[in-house]
Each structure stands twice: as C-alpha cells, then as structure tokens.
C-alpha cells in the first residue's frame, strides 16, 4: 500500500518533466525556423543581426529587448499599419512564418 503513494508522485513528476521538455523542444524548433526564415526570406538584405546582413534598415541584434513578440507579429503582418512612415515593404509571409520569425526576433536581446 505504501508503495502506491510513492509511485504516483514519481509518475506525475515524470509526466510533467516530459511535457516541459516537449515544450522546450517545440520552442527551440520554432526559434530555429525563424532564424532560417530571416535568411531565406531575404531579411538580411536590409537588416543586420550581429555580423549577418546589410545595414540598410535598422540593426535587429537587440530588437527583442525593445519589442514584444506580439508587436513583432503585428509589424511583420503589416509594417505600415504599425508605422505609416516605415520604409519596410509589405511581406508575403504566412501566419506560421510570421509566428516563427517573431519568435526568433523576440529572442534577440
């Protein structure tokens, strides 16, 4: 009888740890997908992140320290709606691409 009381908490902690690890892996994959999109979509043609890119537009090396992920999603969806004077063009990104890119950019602090 006593063993059941010991086994249940161990199982519960194992399940919780597995769930946390799965969430961390998913976040890492989304971050990596966003990093690849930055290059594949040509964002580095106007922006820099550390030594990568061209300094035509703002340096994004620390953009995550200034803007939230939700703001970056709105910006990527429609830059002119966020700032009408922005020189950034309207991007042809899908919602999953916007989410991945915003996740990546928001991590840059």
PDB file of N, CA and C in Angstrom:
ATOM      1  N   UNK A   1       0.815  -1.190   0.000  1.00  0.00           N
ATOM      2  CA  UNK A   1       0.000   0.000   0.000  1.00  0.00           C
ATOM      3  C   UNK A   1       0.868   1.267   0.000  1.00  0.00           C
ATOM      4  N   UNK A   2       1.897   1.263   0.786  1.00  0.00           N
ATOM      5  CA  UNK A   2       2.770   2.415   0.885  1.00  0.00           C
ATOM      6  C   UNK A   2       3.453   2.725  -0.449  1.00  0.00           C
ATOM      7  N   UNK A   3       3.763   1.726  -1.201  1.00  0.00           N
ATOM      8  CA  UNK A   3       4.447   1.918  -2.472  1.00  0.00           C
ATOM      9  C   UNK A   3       3.592   2.708  -3.452  1.00  0.00           C
ATOM     10  N   UNK A   4       2.291   2.518  -3.435  1.00  0.00           N
ATOM     11  CA  UNK A   4       1.428   3.262  -4.344  1.00  0.00           C
ATOM     12  C   UNK A   4       1.547   4.762  -4.105  1.00  0.00           C
ATOM     13  N   UNK A   5       1.660   5.142  -2.870  1.00  0.00           N
ATOM     14  CA  UNK A   5       1.782   6.562  -2.547  1.00  0.00           C
ATOM     15  C   UNK A   5       3.109   7.126  -3.034  1.00  0.00           C
ATOM     16  N   UNK A   6       4.098   6.286  -3.167  1.00  0.00           N
ATOM     17  CA  UNK A   6       5.394   6.739  -3.673  1.00  0.00           C
ATOM     18  C   UNK A   6       5.437   6.748  -5.199  1.00  0.00           C
ATOM     19  N   UNK A   7       4.778   5.799  -5.806  1.00  0.00           N
ATOM     20  CA  UNK A   7       4.819   5.675  -7.259  1.00  0.00           C
ATOM     21  C   UNK A   7       4.038   6.790  -7.947  1.00  0.00           C
ATOM     22  N   UNK A   8       2.890   7.131  -7.447  1.00  0.00           N
ATOM     23  CA  UNK A   8       2.047   8.153  -8.083  1.00  0.00           C
ATOM     24  C   UNK A   8       2.769   9.495  -8.231  1.00  0.00           C
ATOM     25  N   UNK A   9       3.416  10.019  -7.168  1.00  0.00           N
ATOM     26  CA  UNK A   9       4.125  11.296  -7.356  1.00  0.00           C
ATOM     27  C   UNK A   9       5.289  11.193  -8.349  1.00  0.00           C
ATOM     28  N   UNK A  10       5.963  10.062  -8.362  1.00  0.00           N
ATOM     29  CA  UNK A  10       7.073   9.884  -9.301  1.00  0.00           C
ATOM     30  C   UNK A  10       6.549   9.889 -10.731  1.00  0.00           C
ATOM     31  N   UNK A  11       5.446   9.217 -10.970  1.00  0.00           N
ATOM     32  CA  UNK A  11       4.842   9.198 -12.312  1.00  0.00           C
ATOM     33  C   UNK A  11       4.381  10.598 -12.701  1.00  0.00           C
ATOM     34  N   UNK A  12       3.747  11.295 -11.775  1.00  0.00           N
ATOM     35  CA  UNK A  12       3.267  12.650 -12.059  1.00  0.00           C
ATOM     36  C   UNK A  12       4.430  13.577 -12.405  1.00  0.00           C
ATOM     37  N   UNK A  13       5.516  13.492 -11.655  1.00  0.00           N
ATOM     38  CA  UNK A  13       6.684  14.332 -11.948  1.00  0.00           C
ATOM     39  C   UNK A  13       7.318  13.967 -13.278  1.00  0.00           C
ATOM     40  N   UNK A  14       7.337  12.702 -13.611  1.00  0.00           N
ATOM     41  CA  UNK A  14       7.886  12.264 -14.900  1.00  0.00           C
ATOM     42  C   UNK A  14       7.066  12.805 -16.058  1.00  0.00           C
ATOM     43  N   UNK A  15       5.747  12.739 -15.927  1.00  0.00           N
ATOM     44  CA  UNK A  15       4.864  13.259 -16.974  1.00  0.00           C
ATOM     45  C   UNK A  15       5.047  14.764 -17.112  1.00  0.00           C
ATOM     46  N   UNK A  16       5.131  15.463 -15.994  1.00  0.00           N
ATOM     47  CA  UNK A  16       5.339  16.910 -16.024  1.00  0.00           C
ATOM     48  C   UNK A  16       6.670  17.257 -16.680  1.00  0.00           C
ATOM     49  N   UNK A  17       7.724  16.551 -16.325  1.00  0.00           N
ATOM     50  CA  UNK A  17       9.045  16.807 -16.913  1.00  0.00           C
ATOM     51  C   UNK A  17       9.033  16.544 -18.415  1.00  0.00           C
ATOM     52  N   UNK A  18       8.350  15.488 -18.834  1.00  0.00           N
ATOM     53  CA  UNK A  18       8.250  15.183 -20.259  1.00  0.00           C
ATOM     54  C   UNK A  18       7.531  16.308 -20.998  1.00  0.00           C
ATOM     55  N   UNK A  19       6.443  16.823 -20.407  1.00  0.00           N
ATOM     56  CA  UNK A  19       5.688  17.917 -21.025  1.00  0.00           C
ATOM     57  C   UNK A  19       6.520  19.173 -21.154  1.00  0.00           C
ATOM     58  N   UNK A  20       7.277  19.507 -20.122  1.00  0.00           N
ATOM     59  CA  UNK A  20       8.135  20.690 -20.152  1.00  0.00           C
ATOM     60  C   UNK A  20       9.222  20.519 -21.209  1.00  0.00           C
ATOM     61  N   UNK A  21       9.816  19.347 -21.268  1.00  0.00           N
ATOM     62  CA  UNK A  21      10.864  19.090 -22.263  1.00  0.00           C
ATOM     63  C   UNK A  21      10.298  19.192 -23.678  1.00  0.00           C
ATOM     64  N   UNK A  22       9.093  18.695 -23.891  1.00  0.00           N
ATOM     65  CA  UNK A  22       8.467  18.774 -25.219  1.00  0.00           C
ATOM     66  C   UNK A  22       8.199  20.225 -25.604  1.00  0.00           C
ATOM     67  N   UNK A  23       7.749  21.040 -24.651  1.00  0.00           N
ATOM     68  CA  UNK A  23       7.508  22.460 -24.926  1.00  0.00           C
ATOM     69  C   UNK A  23       8.815  23.175 -25.260  1.00  0.00           C
ATOM     70  N   UNK A  24       9.873  22.847 -24.539  1.00  0.00           N
ATOM     71  CA  UNK A  24      11.166  23.470 -24.807  1.00  0.00           C
ATOM     72  C   UNK A  24      11.681  23.093 -26.192  1.00  0.00           C
ATOM     73  N   UNK A  25      11.504  21.827 -26.580  1.00  0.00           N
ATOM     74  CA  UNK A  25      11.932  21.403 -27.918  1.00  0.00           C
ATOM     75  C   UNK A  25      11.131  22.132 -28.994  1.00  0.00           C
ATOM     76  N   UNK A  26       9.827  22.276 -28.771  1.00  0.00           N
ATOM     77  CA  UNK A  26       8.982  22.969 -29.750  1.00  0.00           C
ATOM     78  C   UNK A  26       9.415  24.430 -29.881  1.00  0.00           C
ATOM     79  N   UNK A  27       9.710  25.077 -28.759  1.00  0.00           N
ATOM     80  CA  UNK A  27      10.159  26.475 -28.797  1.00  0.00           C
ATOM     81  C   UNK A  27      11.493  26.599 -29.516  1.00  0.00           C
ATOM     82  N   UNK A  28      12.384  25.653 -29.287  1.00  0.00           N
ATOM     83  CA  UNK A  28      13.681  25.667 -29.955  1.00  0.00           C
ATOM     84  C   UNK A  28      13.513  25.490 -31.460  1.00  0.00           C
ATOM     85  N   UNK A  29      12.630  24.591 -31.863  1.00  0.00           N
ATOM     86  CA  UNK A  29      12.382  24.382 -33.293  1.00  0.00           C
ATOM     87  C   UNK A  29      11.786  25.622 -33.939  1.00  0.00           C
ATOM     88  N   UNK A  30      10.845  26.281 -33.250  1.00  0.00           N
ATOM     89  CA  UNK A  30      10.224  27.498 -33.784  1.00  0.00           C
ATOM     90  C   UNK A  30      11.269  28.607 -33.920  1.00  0.00           C
ATOM     91  N   UNK A  31      12.134  28.726 -32.933  1.00  0.00           N
ATOM     92  CA  UNK A  31      13.211  29.725 -32.964  1.00  0.00           C
ATOM     93  C   UNK A  31      14.134  29.457 -34.152  1.00  0.00           C
ATOM     94  N   UNK A  32      14.527  28.212 -34.338  1.00  0.00           N
ATOM     95  CA  UNK A  32      15.422  27.850 -35.442  1.00  0.00           C
ATOM     96  C   UNK A  32      14.744  28.095 -36.785  1.00  0.00           C
ATOM     97  N   UNK A  33      13.465  27.775 -36.873  1.00  0.00           N
ATOM     98  CA  UNK A  33      12.718  28.024 -38.116  1.00  0.00           C
ATOM     99  C   UNK A  33      12.700  29.528 -38.425  1.00  0.00           C
ATOM    100  N   UNK A  34      12.503  30.348 -37.408  1.00  0.00           N
ATOM    101  CA  UNK A  34      12.516  31.802 -37.590  1.00  0.00           C
ATOM    102  C   UNK A  34      13.880  32.315 -38.027  1.00  0.00           C
ATOM    103  N   UNK A  35      14.933  31.749 -37.458  1.00  0.00           N
ATOM    104  CA  UNK A  35      16.287  32.152 -37.844  1.00  0.00           C
ATOM    105  C   UNK A  35      16.532  31.832 -39.318  1.00  0.00           C
ATOM    106  N   UNK A  36      16.104  30.655 -39.752  1.00  0.00           N
ATOM    107  CA  UNK A  36      16.266  30.286 -41.160  1.00  0.00           C
ATOM    108  C   UNK A  36      15.432  31.188 -42.067  1.00  0.00           C
ATOM    109  N   UNK A  37      14.221  31.531 -41.614  1.00  0.00           N
ATOM    110  CA  UNK A  37      13.363  32.419 -42.416  1.00  0.00           C
ATOM    111  C   UNK A  37      14.005  33.790 -42.604  1.00  0.00           C
ATOM    112  N   UNK A  38      14.691  34.270 -41.579  1.00  0.00           N
ATOM    113  CA  UNK A  38      15.371  35.565 -41.671  1.00  0.00           C
ATOM    114  C   UNK A  38      16.317  35.569 -42.871  1.00  0.00           C
ATOM    115  N   UNK A  39      17.006  34.476 -43.082  1.00  0.00           N
ATOM    116  CA  UNK A  39      17.932  34.364 -44.207  1.00  0.00           C
ATOM    117  C   UNK A  39      17.176  34.022 -45.489  1.00  0.00           C
ATOM    118  N   UNK A  40      16.330  33.004 -45.429  1.00  0.00           N
ATOM    119  CA  UNK A  40      15.643  32.522 -46.639  1.00  0.00           C
ATOM    120  C   UNK A  40      14.713  33.568 -47.263  1.00  0.00           C
ATOM    121  N   UNK A  41      14.091  34.398 -46.447  1.00  0.00           N
ATOM    122  CA  UNK A  41      13.174  35.421 -46.960  1.00  0.00           C
ATOM    123  C   UNK A  41      13.902  36.711 -47.337  1.00  0.00           C
ATOM    124  N   UNK A  42      15.204  36.741 -47.135  1.00  0.00           N
ATOM    125  CA  UNK A  42      15.994  37.893 -47.560  1.00  0.00           C
ATOM    126  C   UNK A  42      15.995  39.065 -46.593  1.00  0.00           C
ATOM    127  N   UNK A  43      15.566  38.842 -45.353  1.00  0.00           N
ATOM    128  CA  UNK A  43      15.554  39.937 -44.366  1.00  0.00           C
ATOM    129  C   UNK A  43      16.962  40.513 -44.168  1.00  0.00           C
ATOM    130  N   UNK A  44      17.966  39.649 -44.311  1.00  0.00           N
ATOM    131  CA  UNK A  44      19.351  40.087 -44.142  1.00  0.00           C
ATOM    132  C   UNK A  44      19.802  41.015 -45.270  1.00  0.00           C
ATOM    133  N   UNK A  45      18.993  41.168 -46.306  1.00  0.00           N
ATOM    134  CA  UNK A  45      19.320  42.097 -47.381  1.00  0.00           C
ATOM    135  C   UNK A  45      19.185  43.548 -46.956  1.00  0.00           C
ATOM    136  N   UNK A  46      18.414  43.791 -45.889  1.00  0.00           N
ATOM    137  CA  UNK A  46      18.224  45.163 -45.385  1.00  0.00           C
ATOM    138  C   UNK A  46      18.601  45.317 -43.914  1.00  0.00           C
ATOM    139  N   UNK A  47      18.570  44.235 -43.169  1.00  0.00           N
ATOM    140  CA  UNK A  47      18.798  44.290 -41.721  1.00  0.00           C
ATOM    141  C   UNK A  47      20.018  43.483 -41.331  1.00  0.00           C
ATOM    142  N   UNK A  48      20.610  43.865 -40.217  1.00  0.00           N
ATOM    143  CA  UNK A  48      21.714  43.095 -39.655  1.00  0.00           C
ATOM    144  C   UNK A  48      21.300  42.498 -38.319  1.00  0.00           C
ATOM    145  N   UNK A  49      21.873  41.363 -38.042  1.00  0.00           N
ATOM    146  CA  UNK A  49      21.825  40.742 -36.711  1.00  0.00           C
ATOM    147  C   UNK A  49      23.262  40.357 -36.433  1.00  0.00           C
ATOM    148  N   UNK A  50      23.858  41.072 -35.495  1.00  0.00           N
ATOM    149  CA  UNK A  50      25.283  40.941 -35.204  1.00  0.00           C
ATOM    150  C   UNK A  50      26.057  41.170 -36.503  1.00  0.00           C
ATOM    151  N   UNK A  51      26.798  40.221 -37.003  1.00  0.00           N
ATOM    152  CA  UNK A  51      27.607  40.449 -38.204  1.00  0.00           C
ATOM    153  C   UNK A  51      26.901  40.025 -39.488  1.00  0.00           C
ATOM    154  N   UNK A  52      25.710  39.445 -39.392  1.00  0.00           N
ATOM    155  CA  UNK A  52      24.999  38.942 -40.563  1.00  0.00           C
ATOM    156  C   UNK A  52      24.076  40.011 -41.127  1.00  0.00           C
ATOM    157  N   UNK A  53      24.209  40.290 -42.412  1.00  0.00           N
ATOM    158  CA  UNK A  53      23.266  41.176 -43.071  1.00  0.00           C
ATOM    159  C   UNK A  53      23.867  42.442 -43.641  1.00  0.00           C
ATOM    160  N   UNK A  54      22.946  43.302 -44.106  1.00  0.00           N
ATOM    161  CA  UNK A  54      23.299  44.567 -44.748  1.00  0.00           C
ATOM    162  C   UNK A  54      22.659  45.705 -43.960  1.00  0.00           C
ATOM    163  N   UNK A  55      23.423  46.720 -43.595  1.00  0.00           N
ATOM    164  CA  UNK A  55      22.891  47.787 -42.737  1.00  0.00           C
ATOM    165  C   UNK A  55      22.102  48.874 -43.469  1.00  0.00           C
ATOM    166  N   UNK A  56      21.120  48.472 -44.265  1.00  0.00           N
ATOM    167  CA  UNK A  56      20.249  49.455 -44.918  1.00  0.00           C
ATOM    168  C   UNK A  56      19.140  49.865 -43.945  1.00  0.00           C
ATOM    169  N   UNK A  57      18.501  48.869 -43.349  1.00  0.00           N
ATOM    170  CA  UNK A  57      17.451  49.110 -42.361  1.00  0.00           C
ATOM    171  C   UNK A  57      18.030  49.013 -40.964  1.00  0.00           C
ATOM    172  N   UNK A  58      17.161  49.079 -39.956  1.00  0.00           N
ATOM    173  CA  UNK A  58      17.632  49.021 -38.570  1.00  0.00           C
ATOM    174  C   UNK A  58      18.344  47.709 -38.237  1.00  0.00           C
ATOM    175  N   UNK A  59      19.329  47.820 -37.353  1.00  0.00           N
ATOM    176  CA  UNK A  59      20.011  46.651 -36.797  1.00  0.00           C
ATOM    177  C   UNK A  59      19.026  45.953 -35.860  1.00  0.00           C
ATOM    178  N   UNK A  60      18.821  44.673 -36.051  1.00  0.00           N
ATOM    179  CA  UNK A  60      17.851  43.925 -35.255  1.00  0.00           C
ATOM    180  C   UNK A  60      18.511  43.072 -34.175  1.00  0.00           C
ATOM    181  N   UNK A  61      19.782  43.307 -33.904  1.00  0.00           N
ATOM    182  CA  UNK A  61      20.513  42.485 -32.944  1.00  0.00           C
ATOM    183  C   UNK A  61      19.873  42.454 -31.559  1.00  0.00           C
ATOM    184  N   UNK A  62      19.185  43.518 -31.176  1.00  0.00           N
ATOM    185  CA  UNK A  62      18.584  43.595 -29.838  1.00  0.00           C
ATOM    186  C   UNK A  62      17.099  43.950 -29.901  1.00  0.00           C
ATOM    187  N   UNK A  63      16.452  43.633 -31.010  1.00  0.00           N
ATOM    188  CA  UNK A  63      15.053  44.019 -31.206  1.00  0.00           C
ATOM    189  C   UNK A  63      14.123  43.390 -30.157  1.00  0.00           C
ATOM    190  N   UNK A  64      14.471  42.209 -29.679  1.00  0.00           N
ATOM    191  CA  UNK A  64      13.638  41.537 -28.675  1.00  0.00           C
ATOM    192  C   UNK A  64      13.636  42.247 -27.331  1.00  0.00           C
ATOM    193  N   UNK A  65      14.654  43.034 -27.065  1.00  0.00           N
ATOM    194  CA  UNK A  65      14.700  43.809 -25.823  1.00  0.00           C
ATOM    195  C   UNK A  65      13.785  45.030 -25.895  1.00  0.00           C
ATOM    196  N   UNK A  66      13.453  45.451 -27.095  1.00  0.00           N
ATOM    197  CA  UNK A  66      12.632  46.654 -27.272  1.00  0.00           C
ATOM    198  C   UNK A  66      11.167  46.357 -27.556  1.00  0.00           C
ATOM    199  N   UNK A  67      10.899  45.231 -28.244  1.00  0.00           N
ATOM    200  CA  UNK A  67       9.529  44.953 -28.682  1.00  0.00           C
ATOM    201  C   UNK A  67       9.104  43.543 -28.294  1.00  0.00           C
ATOM    202  N   UNK A  68       7.836  43.405 -27.969  1.00  0.00           N
ATOM    203  CA  UNK A  68       7.286  42.101 -27.596  1.00  0.00           C
ATOM    204  C   UNK A  68       7.070  41.242 -28.838  1.00  0.00           C
ATOM    205  N   UNK A  69       6.917  39.970 -28.612  1.00  0.00           N
ATOM    206  CA  UNK A  69       6.654  39.058 -29.723  1.00  0.00           C
ATOM    207  C   UNK A  69       5.344  39.409 -30.418  1.00  0.00           C
ATOM    208  N   UNK A  70       4.324  39.795 -29.649  1.00  0.00           N
ATOM    209  CA  UNK A  70       3.033  40.135 -30.268  1.00  0.00           C
ATOM    210  C   UNK A  70       3.159  41.394 -31.138  1.00  0.00           C
ATOM    211  N   UNK A  71       3.930  42.380 -30.688  1.00  0.00           N
ATOM    212  CA  UNK A  71       4.150  43.568 -31.513  1.00  0.00           C
ATOM    213  C   UNK A  71       4.890  43.196 -32.788  1.00  0.00           C
ATOM    214  N   UNK A  72       5.904  42.354 -32.675  1.00  0.00           N
ATOM    215  CA  UNK A  72       6.672  41.949 -33.855  1.00  0.00           C
ATOM    216  C   UNK A  72       5.795  41.182 -34.841  1.00  0.00           C
ATOM    217  N   UNK A  73       4.856  40.398 -34.344  1.00  0.00           N
ATOM    218  CA  UNK A  73       3.915  39.715 -35.245  1.00  0.00           C
ATOM    219  C   UNK A  73       3.082  40.737 -36.019  1.00  0.00           C
ATOM    220  N   UNK A  74       2.568  41.730 -35.292  1.00  0.00           N
ATOM    221  CA  UNK A  74       1.769  42.767 -35.969  1.00  0.00           C
ATOM    222  C   UNK A  74       2.619  43.511 -36.989  1.00  0.00           C
ATOM    223  N   UNK A  75       3.850  43.827 -36.624  1.00  0.00           N
ATOM    224  CA  UNK A  75       4.754  44.535 -37.524  1.00  0.00           C
ATOM    225  C   UNK A  75       5.020  43.723 -38.784  1.00  0.00           C
ATOM    226  N   UNK A  76       5.321  42.452 -38.623  1.00  0.00           N
ATOM    227  CA  UNK A  76       5.616  41.597 -39.775  1.00  0.00           C
ATOM    228  C   UNK A  76       4.388  41.401 -40.656  1.00  0.00           C
ATOM    229  N   UNK A  77       3.230  41.399 -40.048  1.00  0.00           N
ATOM    230  CA  UNK A  77       1.984  41.235 -40.806  1.00  0.00           C
ATOM    231  C   UNK A  77       1.701  42.468 -41.652  1.00  0.00           C
ATOM    232  N   UNK A  78       1.934  43.683 -41.106  1.00  0.00           N
ATOM    233  CA  UNK A  78       1.621  44.921 -41.829  1.00  0.00           C
ATOM    234  C   UNK A  78       2.431  46.078 -41.244  1.00  0.00           C
ATOM    235  N   UNK A  79       3.649  46.281 -41.736  1.00  0.00           N
ATOM    236  CA  UNK A  79       4.511  47.335 -41.185  1.00  0.00           C
ATOM    237  C   UNK A  79       3.890  48.734 -41.248  1.00  0.00           C
ATOM    238  N   UNK A  80       3.208  49.070 -42.354  1.00  0.00           N
ATOM    239  CA  UNK A  80       2.636  50.413 -42.494  1.00  0.00           C
ATOM    240  C   UNK A  80       1.506  50.663 -41.496  1.00  0.00           C
ATOM    241  N   UNK A  81       0.809  49.629 -41.087  1.00  0.00           N
ATOM    242  CA  UNK A  81      -0.249  49.803 -40.089  1.00  0.00           C
ATOM    243  C   UNK A  81       0.348  50.148 -38.727  1.00  0.00           C
ATOM    244  N   UNK A  82       1.559  49.676 -38.469  1.00  0.00           N
ATOM    245  CA  UNK A  82       2.220  49.972 -37.198  1.00  0.00           C
ATOM    246  C   UNK A  82       2.893  51.339 -37.229  1.00  0.00           C
ATOM    247  N   UNK A  83       3.491  51.670 -38.367  1.00  0.00           N
ATOM    248  CA  UNK A  83       4.138  52.972 -38.533  1.00  0.00           C
ATOM    249  C   UNK A  83       4.006  53.370 -39.999  1.00  0.00           C
ATOM    250  N   UNK A  84       3.089  54.277 -40.311  1.00  0.00           N
ATOM    251  CA  UNK A  84       2.851  54.661 -41.713  1.00  0.00           C
ATOM    252  C   UNK A  84       4.083  55.179 -42.446  1.00  0.00           C
ATOM    253  N   UNK A  85       5.034  55.746 -41.739  1.00  0.00           N
ATOM    254  CA  UNK A  85       6.234  56.275 -42.393  1.00  0.00           C
ATOM    255  C   UNK A  85       7.313  55.211 -42.605  1.00  0.00           C
ATOM    256  N   UNK A  86       7.039  53.972 -42.233  1.00  0.00           N
ATOM    257  CA  UNK A  86       8.035  52.894 -42.357  1.00  0.00           C
ATOM    258  C   UNK A  86       8.392  52.646 -43.817  1.00  0.00           C
ATOM    259  N   UNK A  87       9.655  52.386 -44.058  1.00  0.00           N
ATOM    260  CA  UNK A  87      10.118  52.091 -45.409  1.00  0.00           C
ATOM    261  C   UNK A  87      10.103  50.592 -45.698  1.00  0.00           C
ATOM    262  N   UNK A  88       9.718  49.813 -44.721  1.00  0.00           N
ATOM    263  CA  UNK A  88       9.699  48.359 -44.890  1.00  0.00           C
ATOM    264  C   UNK A  88       8.505  47.957 -45.764  1.00  0.00           C
ATOM    265  N   UNK A  89       8.751  47.122 -46.753  1.00  0.00           N
ATOM    266  CA  UNK A  89       7.655  46.704 -47.637  1.00  0.00           C
ATOM    267  C   UNK A  89       6.718  45.712 -46.951  1.00  0.00           C
ATOM    268  N   UNK A  90       5.543  45.572 -47.510  1.00  0.00           N
ATOM    269  CA  UNK A  90       4.605  44.551 -47.061  1.00  0.00           C
ATOM    270  C   UNK A  90       5.202  43.190 -47.416  1.00  0.00           C
ATOM    271  N   UNK A  91       5.279  42.309 -46.454  1.00  0.00           N
ATOM    272  CA  UNK A  91       5.885  40.998 -46.681  1.00  0.00           C
ATOM    273  C   UNK A  91       4.830  39.967 -47.051  1.00  0.00           C
ATOM    274  N   UNK A  92       5.217  39.027 -47.849  1.00  0.00           N
ATOM    275  CA  UNK A  92       4.308  37.953 -48.236  1.00  0.00           C
ATOM    276  C   UNK A  92       4.653  36.729 -47.412  1.00  0.00           C
ATOM    277  N   UNK A  93       4.285  36.772 -46.145  1.00  0.00           N
ATOM    278  CA  UNK A  93       4.551  35.681 -45.223  1.00  0.00           C
ATOM    279  C   UNK A  93       3.242  35.044 -44.779  1.00  0.00           C
ATOM    280  N   UNK A  94       3.282  33.742 -44.550  1.00  0.00           N
ATOM    281  CA  UNK A  94       2.116  33.058 -43.997  1.00  0.00           C
ATOM    282  C   UNK A  94       2.085  33.308 -42.488  1.00  0.00           C
ATOM    283  N   UNK A  95       0.962  33.033 -41.867  1.00  0.00           N
ATOM    284  CA  UNK A  95       0.867  33.207 -40.416  1.00  0.00           C
ATOM    285  C   UNK A  95       1.881  32.342 -39.669  1.00  0.00           C
ATOM    286  N   UNK A  96       2.097  31.074 -40.061  1.00  0.00           N
ATOM    287  CA  UNK A  96       3.139  30.296 -39.375  1.00  0.00           C
ATOM    288  C   UNK A  96       4.539  30.888 -39.560  1.00  0.00           C
ATOM    289  N   UNK A  97       4.819  31.458 -40.717  1.00  0.00           N
ATOM    290  CA  UNK A  97       6.115  32.099 -40.938  1.00  0.00           C
ATOM    291  C   UNK A  97       6.252  33.344 -40.068  1.00  0.00           C
ATOM    292  N   UNK A  98       5.187  34.122 -39.984  1.00  0.00           N
ATOM    293  CA  UNK A  98       5.192  35.318 -39.127  1.00  0.00           C
ATOM    294  C   UNK A  98       5.446  34.919 -37.683  1.00  0.00           C
ATOM    295  N   UNK A  99       4.767  33.868 -37.226  1.00  0.00           N
ATOM    296  CA  UNK A  99       4.938  33.404 -35.845  1.00  0.00           C
ATOM    297  C   UNK A  99       6.378  32.972 -35.588  1.00  0.00           C
ATOM    298  N   UNK A 100       6.951  32.215 -36.500  1.00  0.00           N
ATOM    299  CA  UNK A 100       8.327  31.732 -36.314  1.00  0.00           C
ATOM    300  C   UNK A 100       9.320  32.888 -36.334  1.00  0.00           C
ATOM    301  N   UNK A 101       9.160  33.798 -37.265  1.00  0.00           N
ATOM    302  CA  UNK A 101      10.071  34.932 -37.363  1.00  0.00           C
ATOM    303  C   UNK A 101       9.953  35.840 -36.143  1.00  0.00           C
ATOM    304  N   UNK A 102       8.738  36.063 -35.662  1.00  0.00           N
ATOM    305  CA  UNK A 102       8.538  36.880 -34.461  1.00  0.00           C
ATOM    306  C   UNK A 102       9.140  36.202 -33.234  1.00  0.00           C
ATOM    307  N   UNK A 103       9.020  34.882 -33.145  1.00  0.00           N
ATOM    308  CA  UNK A 103       9.625  34.145 -32.042  1.00  0.00           C
ATOM    309  C   UNK A 103      11.139  34.333 -32.052  1.00  0.00           C
ATOM    310  N   UNK A 104      11.732  34.202 -33.219  1.00  0.00           N
ATOM    311  CA  UNK A 104      13.178  34.388 -33.347  1.00  0.00           C
ATOM    312  C   UNK A 104      13.589  35.818 -32.997  1.00  0.00           C
ATOM    313  N   UNK A 105      12.922  36.791 -33.596  1.00  0.00           N
ATOM    314  CA  UNK A 105      13.307  38.192 -33.364  1.00  0.00           C
ATOM    315  C   UNK A 105      13.100  38.602 -31.911  1.00  0.00           C
ATOM    316  N   UNK A 106      12.039  38.116 -31.280  1.00  0.00           N
ATOM    317  CA  UNK A 106      11.789  38.490 -29.889  1.00  0.00           C
ATOM    318  C   UNK A 106      12.828  37.903 -28.935  1.00  0.00           C
ATOM    319  N   UNK A 107      13.556  36.901 -29.397  1.00  0.00           N
ATOM    320  CA  UNK A 107      14.600  36.318 -28.540  1.00  0.00           C
ATOM    321  C   UNK A 107      15.900  37.108 -28.604  1.00  0.00           C
ATOM    322  N   UNK A 108      15.987  38.047 -29.504  1.00  0.00           N
ATOM    323  CA  UNK A 108      17.223  38.824 -29.684  1.00  0.00           C
ATOM    324  C   UNK A 108      17.242  39.983 -28.707  1.00  0.00           C
ATOM    325  N   UNK A 109      17.933  39.789 -27.623  1.00  0.00           N
ATOM    326  CA  UNK A 109      18.048  40.870 -26.637  1.00  0.00           C
ATOM    327  C   UNK A 109      19.473  40.956 -26.225  1.00  0.00           C
TER     328      UNK A 109
END
